[in-house]
Amino acid sequence: MQIEVSTDHNVDGNDELIRRLKAEVHDDLTRFSDRLTRVEVHLGDENAAKSGAADKRCTLEARPAGQPPVAVTNHAATLDEACRGALHKLENLLERRFGRLDNR
């Protein structure tokens, strides 16, 4: 499973942030790793320098082998919270999708 991280121009995509996110995505989705070819993490700050309640965005796009890609988005006050929420949503979505396929 390949993991790619991209940021918009309002987010500092430093090496530490990218390394940490890749490790977190890998750890949380490791049980699906044989079924996923790639996971893309897209980070954004929708208000740029302005503050806001939920202006940080994390979109995760997973590409299951032989199936159409799926994506989830989560907004939160911090990038870490946005990513944790998006990972939780993606885990639930993949569990439902692969569970249905396995039950056929």
Protein backbone atom coordinates (compact mmCIF):
# COMPACT_ATOMS: atom_id res chain seq x y z
CA MET A 1 0.00 0.00 0.00
CA GLN A 2 1.50 3.27 -1.13
CA ILE A 3 0.73 6.39 0.94
CA GLU A 4 1.01 9.88 -0.56
CA VAL A 5 0.57 13.16 1.34
CA SER A 6 -0.14 16.51 -0.31
CA THR A 7 -0.95 19.92 1.14
CA ASP A 8 -2.42 23.12 -0.18
CA HIS A 9 -0.35 26.31 -0.13
CA ASN A 10 -1.72 27.25 3.33
CA VAL A 11 -0.33 24.18 5.11
CA ASP A 12 3.36 23.70 5.89
CA GLY A 13 3.97 20.15 4.65
CA ASN A 14 7.21 19.62 6.54
CA ASP A 15 8.98 16.25 6.67
CA GLU A 16 7.93 15.57 10.28
CA LEU A 17 4.23 16.08 9.49
CA ILE A 18 4.39 13.87 6.40
CA ARG A 19 6.32 11.12 8.21
CA ARG A 20 3.88 11.15 11.13
CA LEU A 21 0.80 11.07 8.88
CA LYS A 22 2.17 8.23 6.77
CA ALA A 23 2.87 6.19 9.91
CA GLU A 24 -0.60 6.87 11.33
CA VAL A 25 -2.35 5.96 8.07
CA HIS A 26 -0.26 2.80 7.74
CA ASP A 27 -0.95 1.74 11.33
CA ASP A 28 -4.70 2.38 11.11
CA LEU A 29 -5.22 0.78 7.68
CA THR A 30 -2.69 -2.07 7.89
CA ARG A 31 -5.46 -4.70 8.01
CA PHE A 32 -6.60 -3.50 4.57
CA SER A 33 -3.09 -3.19 3.09
CA ASP A 34 -3.42 -6.27 0.88
CA ARG A 35 -6.60 -4.81 -0.65
CA LEU A 36 -5.47 -1.20 -1.15
CA THR A 37 -3.02 -0.07 -3.79
CA ARG A 38 -2.73 3.54 -2.66
CA VAL A 39 -4.02 5.98 -0.05
CA GLU A 40 -3.79 9.71 -0.73
CA VAL A 41 -3.90 12.25 2.09
CA HIS A 42 -4.86 15.80 1.10
CA LEU A 43 -4.49 18.49 3.77
CA GLY A 44 -5.86 22.00 3.59
CA ASP A 45 -6.51 25.12 5.60
CA GLU A 46 -9.67 26.64 4.21
CA ASN A 47 -9.38 30.02 5.97
CA ALA A 48 -5.62 30.44 5.51
CA ALA A 49 -4.32 32.87 8.15
CA LYS A 50 -7.76 33.54 9.64
CA SER A 51 -8.92 31.48 12.58
CA GLY A 52 -12.03 29.38 12.50
CA ALA A 53 -13.76 26.62 14.41
CA ALA A 54 -13.25 23.90 11.82
CA ASP A 55 -11.09 25.35 9.09
CA LYS A 56 -8.58 22.49 8.76
CA ARG A 57 -9.50 19.80 6.23
CA CYS A 58 -8.23 16.28 5.69
CA THR A 59 -9.43 14.30 2.70
CA LEU A 60 -8.42 10.66 2.38
CA GLU A 61 -8.77 8.83 -0.90
CA ALA A 62 -8.27 5.07 -0.89
CA ARG A 63 -7.85 3.03 -4.04
CA PRO A 64 -8.96 -0.57 -3.56
CA ALA A 65 -7.47 -3.00 -6.06
CA GLY A 66 -9.90 -3.61 -8.93
CA GLN A 67 -12.55 -1.25 -7.55
CA PRO A 68 -13.39 2.44 -7.87
CA PRO A 69 -11.66 4.78 -5.39
CA VAL A 70 -13.44 5.95 -2.25
CA ALA A 71 -12.92 9.23 -0.41
CA VAL A 72 -13.84 10.80 2.91
CA THR A 73 -13.36 14.32 4.26
CA ASN A 74 -13.24 15.63 7.80
CA HIS A 75 -13.03 19.21 9.09
CA ALA A 76 -11.66 20.14 12.52
CA ALA A 77 -9.85 22.85 14.44
CA THR A 78 -6.42 21.20 13.97
CA LEU A 79 -4.85 19.08 11.25
CA ASP A 80 -4.32 16.21 13.70
CA GLU A 81 -8.00 16.16 14.66
CA ALA A 82 -9.06 16.42 11.02
CA CYS A 83 -6.84 13.48 10.07
CA ARG A 84 -7.96 11.31 12.98
CA GLY A 85 -11.59 11.94 12.08
CA ALA A 86 -11.00 11.22 8.40
CA LEU A 87 -9.13 8.01 9.24
CA HIS A 88 -12.01 6.87 11.44
CA LYS A 89 -14.49 7.56 8.62
CA LEU A 90 -12.31 5.74 6.08
CA GLU A 91 -11.88 2.70 8.34
CA ASN A 92 -15.66 2.44 8.77
CA LEU A 93 -16.24 2.83 5.03
CA LEU A 94 -13.67 0.16 4.14
CA GLU A 95 -15.01 -2.24 6.77
CA ARG A 96 -18.50 -1.93 5.30
CA ARG A 97 -17.30 -2.22 1.70
CA PHE A 98 -15.00 -5.20 2.20
CA GLY A 99 -17.44 -6.83 4.64
CA ARG A 100 -20.16 -6.78 1.98
CA LEU A 101 -17.80 -8.19 -0.62
CA ASP A 102 -16.67 -10.96 1.72
CA ASN A 103 -20.28 -11.92 2.54
CA ARG A 104 -21.18 -12.54 -1.11
